[in-house]
Amino acid sequence: EHVEITGQLTRFTSPGGSGHAIHRAFCSRC
């Protein structure tokens, strides 16, 4: 709730070592 992110992100979801999802966000440009 305290973080603001601006810009175009691409997301990739994969299971972590625990088996639960990790949703990573990357800059769509670089």
PDB file of all heavy atoms in Angstrom:
ATOM      1  N   GLU A   1       0.808  -1.224   0.000  1.00  0.00           N
ATOM      2  CA  GLU A   1       0.000   0.000   0.000  1.00  0.00           C
ATOM      3  C   GLU A   1       0.840   1.272   0.000  1.00  0.00           C
ATOM      4  O   GLU A   1       0.346   2.344  -0.309  1.00  0.00           O
ATOM      5  CB  GLU A   1      -0.942  -0.002   1.202  1.00  0.00           C
ATOM      6  CG  GLU A   1      -0.206   0.062   2.523  1.00  0.00           C
ATOM      7  CD  GLU A   1      -1.057  -0.350   3.714  1.00  0.00           C
ATOM      8  OE1 GLU A   1      -1.770  -1.345   3.602  1.00  0.00           O
ATOM      9  OE2 GLU A   1      -0.971   0.343   4.744  1.00  0.00           O
ATOM     10  N   HIS A   2       2.132   1.169   0.333  1.00  0.00           N
ATOM     11  CA  HIS A   2       3.007   2.339   0.386  1.00  0.00           C
ATOM     12  C   HIS A   2       3.859   2.523  -0.869  1.00  0.00           C
ATOM     13  O   HIS A   2       4.625   3.479  -0.951  1.00  0.00           O
ATOM     14  CB  HIS A   2       3.941   2.261   1.599  1.00  0.00           C
ATOM     15  CG  HIS A   2       3.218   2.275   2.902  1.00  0.00           C
ATOM     16  ND1 HIS A   2       2.532   3.373   3.369  1.00  0.00           N
ATOM     17  CD2 HIS A   2       3.058   1.302   3.841  1.00  0.00           C
ATOM     18  CE1 HIS A   2       1.986   3.083   4.529  1.00  0.00           C
ATOM     19  NE2 HIS A   2       2.284   1.834   4.837  1.00  0.00           N
ATOM     20  N   VAL A   3       3.739   1.607  -1.819  1.00  0.00           N
ATOM     21  CA  VAL A   3       4.578   1.656  -3.018  1.00  0.00           C
ATOM     22  C   VAL A   3       3.741   2.028  -4.234  1.00  0.00           C
ATOM     23  O   VAL A   3       2.675   1.465  -4.472  1.00  0.00           O
ATOM     24  CB  VAL A   3       5.278   0.294  -3.265  1.00  0.00           C
ATOM     25  CG1 VAL A   3       6.079   0.325  -4.559  1.00  0.00           C
ATOM     26  CG2 VAL A   3       6.177  -0.055  -2.091  1.00  0.00           C
ATOM     27  N   GLU A   4       4.251   2.983  -4.998  1.00  0.00           N
ATOM     28  CA  GLU A   4       3.626   3.370  -6.261  1.00  0.00           C
ATOM     29  C   GLU A   4       4.611   3.055  -7.378  1.00  0.00           C
ATOM     30  O   GLU A   4       5.773   3.460  -7.318  1.00  0.00           O
ATOM     31  CB  GLU A   4       3.304   4.856  -6.268  1.00  0.00           C
ATOM     32  CG  GLU A   4       2.634   5.312  -7.552  1.00  0.00           C
ATOM     33  CD  GLU A   4       2.317   6.795  -7.534  1.00  0.00           C
ATOM     34  OE1 GLU A   4       2.045   7.337  -6.451  1.00  0.00           O
ATOM     35  OE2 GLU A   4       2.349   7.399  -8.623  1.00  0.00           O
ATOM     36  N   ILE A   5       4.137   2.317  -8.367  1.00  0.00           N
ATOM     37  CA  ILE A   5       4.960   1.982  -9.532  1.00  0.00           C
ATOM     38  C   ILE A   5       4.284   2.543 -10.763  1.00  0.00           C
ATOM     39  O   ILE A   5       3.086   2.348 -10.967  1.00  0.00           O
ATOM     40  CB  ILE A   5       5.135   0.450  -9.679  1.00  0.00           C
ATOM     41  CG1 ILE A   5       5.824  -0.135  -8.442  1.00  0.00           C
ATOM     42  CG2 ILE A   5       5.929   0.128 -10.942  1.00  0.00           C
ATOM     43  CD1 ILE A   5       5.952  -1.647  -8.438  1.00  0.00           C
ATOM     44  N   THR A   6       5.055   3.259 -11.585  1.00  0.00           N
ATOM     45  CA  THR A   6       4.521   3.792 -12.836  1.00  0.00           C
ATOM     46  C   THR A   6       5.345   3.236 -13.993  1.00  0.00           C
ATOM     47  O   THR A   6       6.523   2.917 -13.829  1.00  0.00           O
ATOM     48  CB  THR A   6       4.564   5.330 -12.862  1.00  0.00           C
ATOM     49  OG1 THR A   6       5.920   5.765 -12.685  1.00  0.00           O
ATOM     50  CG2 THR A   6       3.700   5.924 -11.766  1.00  0.00           C
ATOM     51  N   GLY A   7       4.725   3.139 -15.140  1.00  0.00           N
ATOM     52  CA  GLY A   7       5.395   2.623 -16.325  1.00  0.00           C
ATOM     53  C   GLY A   7       4.830   1.272 -16.735  1.00  0.00           C
ATOM     54  O   GLY A   7       4.058   0.649 -16.007  1.00  0.00           O
ATOM     55  N   GLN A   8       5.225   0.827 -17.902  1.00  0.00           N
ATOM     56  CA  GLN A   8       4.717  -0.417 -18.473  1.00  0.00           C
ATOM     57  C   GLN A   8       5.502  -1.617 -17.961  1.00  0.00           C
ATOM     58  O   GLN A   8       6.700  -1.739 -18.203  1.00  0.00           O
ATOM     59  CB  GLN A   8       4.811  -0.353 -20.006  1.00  0.00           C
ATOM     60  CG  GLN A   8       4.217  -1.552 -20.705  1.00  0.00           C
ATOM     61  CD  GLN A   8       2.713  -1.665 -20.517  1.00  0.00           C
ATOM     62  OE1 GLN A   8       2.001  -0.668 -20.518  1.00  0.00           O
ATOM     63  NE2 GLN A   8       2.231  -2.873 -20.325  1.00  0.00           N
ATOM     64  N   LEU A   9       4.808  -2.506 -17.246  1.00  0.00           N
ATOM     65  CA  LEU A   9       5.430  -3.712 -16.710  1.00  0.00           C
ATOM     66  C   LEU A   9       4.940  -4.954 -17.447  1.00  0.00           C
ATOM     67  O   LEU A   9       3.790  -5.020 -17.871  1.00  0.00           O
ATOM     68  CB  LEU A   9       5.097  -3.878 -15.224  1.00  0.00           C
ATOM     69  CG  LEU A   9       5.735  -2.885 -14.273  1.00  0.00           C
ATOM     70  CD1 LEU A   9       5.107  -3.000 -12.889  1.00  0.00           C
ATOM     71  CD2 LEU A   9       7.232  -3.108 -14.196  1.00  0.00           C
ATOM     72  N   THR A  10       5.816  -5.911 -17.596  1.00  0.00           N
ATOM     73  CA  THR A  10       5.467  -7.234 -18.082  1.00  0.00           C
ATOM     74  C   THR A  10       5.595  -8.160 -16.887  1.00  0.00           C
ATOM     75  O   THR A  10       6.539  -8.047 -16.105  1.00  0.00           O
ATOM     76  CB  THR A  10       6.433  -7.690 -19.197  1.00  0.00           C
ATOM     77  OG1 THR A  10       6.291  -6.786 -20.298  1.00  0.00           O
ATOM     78  CG2 THR A  10       6.138  -9.099 -19.653  1.00  0.00           C
ATOM     79  N   ARG A  11       4.643  -9.057 -16.727  1.00  0.00           N
ATOM     80  CA  ARG A  11       4.650  -9.949 -15.571  1.00  0.00           C
ATOM     81  C   ARG A  11       4.894 -11.388 -15.994  1.00  0.00           C
ATOM     82  O   ARG A  11       4.464 -11.815 -17.065  1.00  0.00           O
ATOM     83  CB  ARG A  11       3.345  -9.834 -14.805  1.00  0.00           C
ATOM     84  CG  ARG A  11       3.135  -8.424 -14.276  1.00  0.00           C
ATOM     85  CD  ARG A  11       1.925  -8.326 -13.364  1.00  0.00           C
ATOM     86  NE  ARG A  11       1.655  -6.936 -13.019  1.00  0.00           N
ATOM     87  CZ  ARG A  11       2.281  -6.257 -12.081  1.00  0.00           C
ATOM     88  NH1 ARG A  11       3.225  -6.817 -11.384  1.00  0.00           N
ATOM     89  NH2 ARG A  11       1.960  -5.005 -11.828  1.00  0.00           N
ATOM     90  N   PHE A  12       5.594 -12.100 -15.143  1.00  0.00           N
ATOM     91  CA  PHE A  12       5.847 -13.523 -15.357  1.00  0.00           C
ATOM     92  C   PHE A  12       5.589 -14.231 -14.039  1.00  0.00           C
ATOM     93  O   PHE A  12       6.117 -13.827 -12.999  1.00  0.00           O
ATOM     94  CB  PHE A  12       7.286 -13.769 -15.812  1.00  0.00           C
ATOM     95  CG  PHE A  12       7.604 -15.226 -16.009  1.00  0.00           C
ATOM     96  CD1 PHE A  12       7.171 -15.891 -17.147  1.00  0.00           C
ATOM     97  CD2 PHE A  12       8.303 -15.929 -15.048  1.00  0.00           C
ATOM     98  CE1 PHE A  12       7.443 -17.240 -17.327  1.00  0.00           C
ATOM     99  CE2 PHE A  12       8.585 -17.268 -15.222  1.00  0.00           C
ATOM    100  CZ  PHE A  12       8.152 -17.929 -16.366  1.00  0.00           C
ATOM    101  N   THR A  13       4.756 -15.255 -14.070  1.00  0.00           N
ATOM    102  CA  THR A  13       4.417 -16.004 -12.873  1.00  0.00           C
ATOM    103  C   THR A  13       5.007 -17.402 -12.955  1.00  0.00           C
ATOM    104  O   THR A  13       4.910 -18.062 -13.986  1.00  0.00           O
ATOM    105  CB  THR A  13       2.890 -16.089 -12.698  1.00  0.00           C
ATOM    106  OG1 THR A  13       2.373 -14.764 -12.559  1.00  0.00           O
ATOM    107  CG2 THR A  13       2.513 -16.887 -11.463  1.00  0.00           C
ATOM    108  N   SER A  14       5.617 -17.819 -11.862  1.00  0.00           N
ATOM    109  CA  SER A  14       6.166 -19.171 -11.779  1.00  0.00           C
ATOM    110  C   SER A  14       6.010 -19.658 -10.345  1.00  0.00           C
ATOM    111  O   SER A  14       5.885 -18.847  -9.424  1.00  0.00           O
ATOM    112  CB  SER A  14       7.638 -19.185 -12.190  1.00  0.00           C
ATOM    113  OG  SER A  14       8.408 -18.402 -11.310  1.00  0.00           O
ATOM    114  N   PRO A  15       6.032 -20.980 -10.149  1.00  0.00           N
ATOM    115  CA  PRO A  15       5.967 -21.475  -8.773  1.00  0.00           C
ATOM    116  C   PRO A  15       7.314 -21.279  -8.089  1.00  0.00           C
ATOM    117  O   PRO A  15       8.363 -21.515  -8.687  1.00  0.00           O
ATOM    118  CB  PRO A  15       5.634 -22.961  -8.940  1.00  0.00           C
ATOM    119  CG  PRO A  15       6.110 -23.305 -10.309  1.00  0.00           C
ATOM    120  CD  PRO A  15       6.007 -22.048 -11.128  1.00  0.00           C
ATOM    121  N   GLY A  16       7.286 -20.832  -6.838  1.00  0.00           N
ATOM    122  CA  GLY A  16       8.511 -20.714  -6.062  1.00  0.00           C
ATOM    123  C   GLY A  16       8.885 -22.060  -5.470  1.00  0.00           C
ATOM    124  O   GLY A  16       8.196 -23.066  -5.701  1.00  0.00           O
ATOM    125  N   GLY A  17       9.940 -22.100  -4.718  1.00  0.00           N
ATOM    126  CA  GLY A  17      10.388 -23.328  -4.085  1.00  0.00           C
ATOM    127  C   GLY A  17       9.334 -23.937  -3.180  1.00  0.00           C
ATOM    128  O   GLY A  17       9.293 -25.147  -2.974  1.00  0.00           O
ATOM    129  N   SER A  18       8.452 -23.104  -2.642  1.00  0.00           N
ATOM    130  CA  SER A  18       7.376 -23.567  -1.768  1.00  0.00           C
ATOM    131  C   SER A  18       6.213 -24.145  -2.560  1.00  0.00           C
ATOM    132  O   SER A  18       5.308 -24.742  -1.986  1.00  0.00           O
ATOM    133  CB  SER A  18       6.846 -22.394  -0.932  1.00  0.00           C
ATOM    134  OG  SER A  18       6.214 -21.451  -1.795  1.00  0.00           O
ATOM    135  N   GLY A  19       6.231 -23.918  -3.879  1.00  0.00           N
ATOM    136  CA  GLY A  19       5.106 -24.329  -4.713  1.00  0.00           C
ATOM    137  C   GLY A  19       4.074 -23.232  -4.905  1.00  0.00           C
ATOM    138  O   GLY A  19       3.190 -23.345  -5.745  1.00  0.00           O
ATOM    139  N   HIS A  20       4.166 -22.147  -4.135  1.00  0.00           N
ATOM    140  CA  HIS A  20       3.256 -21.013  -4.272  1.00  0.00           C
ATOM    141  C   HIS A  20       3.784 -20.058  -5.340  1.00  0.00           C
ATOM    142  O   HIS A  20       4.984 -19.958  -5.566  1.00  0.00           O
ATOM    143  CB  HIS A  20       3.097 -20.289  -2.937  1.00  0.00           C
ATOM    144  CG  HIS A  20       2.397 -21.111  -1.920  1.00  0.00           C
ATOM    145  ND1 HIS A  20       3.049 -22.020  -1.112  1.00  0.00           N
ATOM    146  CD2 HIS A  20       1.096 -21.172  -1.575  1.00  0.00           C
ATOM    147  CE1 HIS A  20       2.178 -22.601  -0.318  1.00  0.00           C
ATOM    148  NE2 HIS A  20       0.982 -22.112  -0.581  1.00  0.00           N
ATOM    149  N   ALA A  21       2.878 -19.323  -5.947  1.00  0.00           N
ATOM    150  CA  ALA A  21       3.227 -18.446  -7.066  1.00  0.00           C
ATOM    151  C   ALA A  21       4.093 -17.261  -6.664  1.00  0.00           C
ATOM    152  O   ALA A  21       3.920 -16.680  -5.589  1.00  0.00           O
ATOM    153  CB  ALA A  21       1.960 -17.931  -7.736  1.00  0.00           C
ATOM    154  N   ILE A  22       5.016 -16.936  -7.559  1.00  0.00           N
ATOM    155  CA  ILE A  22       5.782 -15.695  -7.487  1.00  0.00           C
ATOM    156  C   ILE A  22       5.476 -14.938  -8.774  1.00  0.00           C
ATOM    157  O   ILE A  22       5.624 -15.473  -9.865  1.00  0.00           O
ATOM    158  CB  ILE A  22       7.297 -15.952  -7.391  1.00  0.00           C
ATOM    159  CG1 ILE A  22       7.630 -16.737  -6.123  1.00  0.00           C
ATOM    160  CG2 ILE A  22       8.065 -14.629  -7.409  1.00  0.00           C
ATOM    161  CD1 ILE A  22       9.084 -17.148  -6.010  1.00  0.00           C
ATOM    162  N   HIS A  23       5.011 -13.707  -8.633  1.00  0.00           N
ATOM    163  CA  HIS A  23       4.660 -12.861  -9.778  1.00  0.00           C
ATOM    164  C   HIS A  23       5.749 -11.803  -9.924  1.00  0.00           C
ATOM    165  O   HIS A  23       5.811 -10.864  -9.135  1.00  0.00           O
ATOM    166  CB  HIS A  23       3.303 -12.192  -9.560  1.00  0.00           C
ATOM    167  CG  HIS A  23       2.222 -13.139  -9.133  1.00  0.00           C
ATOM    168  ND1 HIS A  23       1.610 -14.007 -10.002  1.00  0.00           N
ATOM    169  CD2 HIS A  23       1.677 -13.365  -7.920  1.00  0.00           C
ATOM    170  CE1 HIS A  23       0.713 -14.716  -9.341  1.00  0.00           C
ATOM    171  NE2 HIS A  23       0.742 -14.348  -8.071  1.00  0.00           N
ATOM    172  N   ARG A  24       6.619 -11.963 -10.916  1.00  0.00           N
ATOM    173  CA  ARG A  24       7.710 -11.014 -11.136  1.00  0.00           C
ATOM    174  C   ARG A  24       7.284  -9.967 -12.151  1.00  0.00           C
ATOM    175  O   ARG A  24       6.593 -10.277 -13.112  1.00  0.00           O
ATOM    176  CB  ARG A  24       8.956 -11.748 -11.608  1.00  0.00           C
ATOM    177  CG  ARG A  24       9.571 -12.612 -10.533  1.00  0.00           C
ATOM    178  CD  ARG A  24      10.834 -13.320 -11.015  1.00  0.00           C
ATOM    179  NE  ARG A  24      11.355 -14.166  -9.957  1.00  0.00           N
ATOM    180  CZ  ARG A  24      10.925 -15.401  -9.716  1.00  0.00           C
ATOM    181  NH1 ARG A  24       9.991 -15.934 -10.472  1.00  0.00           N
ATOM    182  NH2 ARG A  24      11.428 -16.096  -8.727  1.00  0.00           N
ATOM    183  N   ALA A  25       7.752  -8.739 -11.946  1.00  0.00           N
ATOM    184  CA  ALA A  25       7.402  -7.622 -12.836  1.00  0.00           C
ATOM    185  C   ALA A  25       8.676  -7.023 -13.421  1.00  0.00           C
ATOM    186  O   ALA A  25       9.589  -6.662 -12.683  1.00  0.00           O
ATOM    187  CB  ALA A  25       6.625  -6.558 -12.063  1.00  0.00           C
ATOM    188  N   PHE A  26       8.709  -6.937 -14.744  1.00  0.00           N
ATOM    189  CA  PHE A  26       9.863  -6.456 -15.497  1.00  0.00           C
ATOM    190  C   PHE A  26       9.473  -5.231 -16.299  1.00  0.00           C
ATOM    191  O   PHE A  26       8.331  -5.101 -16.741  1.00  0.00           O
ATOM    192  CB  PHE A  26      10.311  -7.518 -16.513  1.00  0.00           C
ATOM    193  CG  PHE A  26      10.624  -8.849 -15.917  1.00  0.00           C
ATOM    194  CD1 PHE A  26       9.620  -9.755 -15.601  1.00  0.00           C
ATOM    195  CD2 PHE A  26      11.937  -9.221 -15.687  1.00  0.00           C
ATOM    196  CE1 PHE A  26       9.910 -10.989 -15.062  1.00  0.00           C
ATOM    197  CE2 PHE A  26      12.241 -10.454 -15.148  1.00  0.00           C
ATOM    198  CZ  PHE A  26      11.227 -11.342 -14.834  1.00  0.00           C
ATOM    199  N   CYS A  27      10.432  -4.356 -16.567  1.00  0.00           N
ATOM    200  CA  CYS A  27      10.192  -3.249 -17.494  1.00  0.00           C
ATOM    201  C   CYS A  27       9.939  -3.847 -18.876  1.00  0.00           C
ATOM    202  O   CYS A  27      10.708  -4.687 -19.346  1.00  0.00           O
ATOM    203  CB  CYS A  27      11.398  -2.314 -17.532  1.00  0.00           C
ATOM    204  SG  CYS A  27      11.284  -1.056 -18.833  1.00  0.00           S
ATOM    205  N   SER A  28       8.886  -3.420 -19.516  1.00  0.00           N
ATOM    206  CA  SER A  28       8.538  -3.941 -20.841  1.00  0.00           C
ATOM    207  C   SER A  28       9.514  -3.496 -21.912  1.00  0.00           C
ATOM    208  O   SER A  28       9.606  -4.117 -22.966  1.00  0.00           O
ATOM    209  CB  SER A  28       7.125  -3.496 -21.220  1.00  0.00           C
ATOM    210  OG  SER A  28       6.195  -4.050 -20.328  1.00  0.00           O
ATOM    211  N   ARG A  29      10.264  -2.440 -21.661  1.00  0.00           N
ATOM    212  CA  ARG A  29      11.205  -1.931 -22.655  1.00  0.00           C
ATOM    213  C   ARG A  29      12.607  -2.520 -22.488  1.00  0.00           C
ATOM    214  O   ARG A  29      13.173  -3.093 -23.409  1.00  0.00           O
ATOM    215  CB  ARG A  29      11.272  -0.409 -22.580  1.00  0.00           C
ATOM    216  CG  ARG A  29      12.196   0.193 -23.597  1.00  0.00           C
ATOM    217  CD  ARG A  29      12.051   1.701 -23.650  1.00  0.00           C
ATOM    218  NE  ARG A  29      13.025   2.250 -24.550  1.00  0.00           N
ATOM    219  CZ  ARG A  29      13.779   3.288 -24.281  1.00  0.00           C
ATOM    220  NH1 ARG A  29      13.650   3.928 -23.131  1.00  0.00           N
ATOM    221  NH2 ARG A  29      14.654   3.724 -25.149  1.00  0.00           N
ATOM    222  N   CYS A  30      13.208  -2.389 -21.280  1.00  0.00           N
ATOM    223  CA  CYS A  30      14.600  -2.820 -21.101  1.00  0.00           C
ATOM    224  C   CYS A  30      14.743  -4.185 -20.440  1.00  0.00           C
ATOM    225  O   CYS A  30      15.828  -4.750 -20.439  1.00  0.00           O
ATOM    226  CB  CYS A  30      15.393  -1.773 -20.319  1.00  0.00           C
ATOM    227  SG  CYS A  30      14.929  -1.605 -18.577  1.00  0.00           S
TER     228      CYS A  30
END
